[in-house]
Amino acid sequence: MTSEVCRGPDQEHARQPTHSYAMEEDIDVTPHTEGLNGLSHECKPLEEITNGHSNHKPVMNGLIISHNVKDHTNGSAPLRSLPISALKQNGLLQTLAAGGDQPKPTEENVELEKAREEWEALENVQPAVTEDSNPTPLISFNEALQYFQTTDLGDLLKNIQPTIRRTGLAAITHFLFGPPRLHRELLEERDLVFAIAQCPVDNSQTVHMRVLQTIYKRLIGSRLDCPRYGAHWENIGFQGTDPATDLRGTGFLGLMHTLYFVMDPETLPLARDIYKLSQHPTQNFPFSVMSINMTRIALQVLREEALSKECNRRQQVVGVLNEFYVATYLHLYQVWKTQQKTIADSGFVLKEVELFAKKNPKQMLRRLEVFLKERRAGGIPRGTSPDPQAQQPSPSLGDRVARAGAGQGSKGKEMHFTGVCDLPPDMEGEARLI
């Protein structure tokens, strides 16, 4: 260890032993000595002092440290260095020693305010992404159906119940007087429908997520995606933040039918009319949950083979079932709107719609055909007048609903919409729900 000579204004100190503190890596060791009043001064080698000037920088409590920045003094104060231990006790010095720049108060305030605004905005986040993001492309019904046609559904096919198991006199009566059996070449397509009805929502499947996004965007009229979970799903009639929890009894087929409803150009206006009614101040109802119930009714009619004749005639199952689903929802919509039903009537109305659909499947499909034809012609289809009082209830069903409502109105109001998919069967030979 060597010692250096520090020059004062009028005197010269002899060389004397000093302590040195080593910085990290290759930082030069700087000697120091005690100055007046116990204050430290940095002492540099003689070759670093020129013309009476030295490199030093005063800091707190009169301590002088060096950061290799050229500061000029009059040469009157000896130069001393600060031990590295002092840096560890001072946040500012530690930042400087690490080579960082102390943030300016103004910049720091701006960053804090920005972070605070972003955090508070989380509570009011909209169910859509920014304009710069790429929205998920819409998916057509045929594309989604093709996905299921090419997916191995073997495990699901083992659990399906495509027809009602009848025994005894019910089986004989059905065989002699019941509807015709479905053609053999359509059995595979029918089984696929019931397999999809067993399929749950899978977040890892892109097609599943696209179906959800398409349904939401087509109903709302948005082109932007929405989060997988959130209260925005309740806005389109699901009962919670996760649509998958409402698909009991229908599986993914409940979403497939809604997808068909909103993606077909002819039925989309009707879907939005029904959605608009579902948001009514007094006649409101959960659109998506009601849609799932329409799928449940359509499946039950298919299972009872009431659609077999029409399927055989058109040589398809999926197309007939899709139209029957829409026809059932149209029928409920007309009854709900013209008779000014409310959520308190939901259980009773659903049961009436189900009974009518099972007994009159051909008439249901015919009504839908007439409705769409009138809409294409630019007229106002029956049962869709803006004024509920201007239209009478549909014949055959309207009178029965009015008469039954007079005697069972109190009972109907006691029923809750939640869990209506789980209504117990009350008809002989009726199959259990999926």
Foldseek 3Di string as FASTA:
>chain_A
DFFAWWDAPPDTDDTDDFDWADDPDPDDTWTWDADPPRETFTADHPVQDPPLWHAWDADPPRHIAHPPDGDGDNNRDHHRHDHVVVCVVDPVSVCVVVVHDDDDPVVVVVVVVVVVVVVVCVVVDDQFDDPPDDADDADALVRLVVVLVPDDLPVLLVPFQLAFDDDDPVVVCCVVPNDDDADPVAPVVSSSQRSQQVAAQDPVDPSSQNLVQNLLCLLVVHRGHGDQFDPVLVLQFAPHRHNRVLSPLRHCVLSSLSSNQRRPPLNNVVLNLLSVQLPDPFAHHRNSSVLSLLLQLLSQLSRNVVCRVVCNVVVHDVVLSSLLSSLLVVLLLLCCLLVVDHQLQVLVSSVLSSVCCNVCVVVSSVLSVVCSVCVVVVHHGASSDPDSPVHQRDPPSRVVCVVVCVVCVVVSSVDGPPPSSQDDDDDPSRDHRD
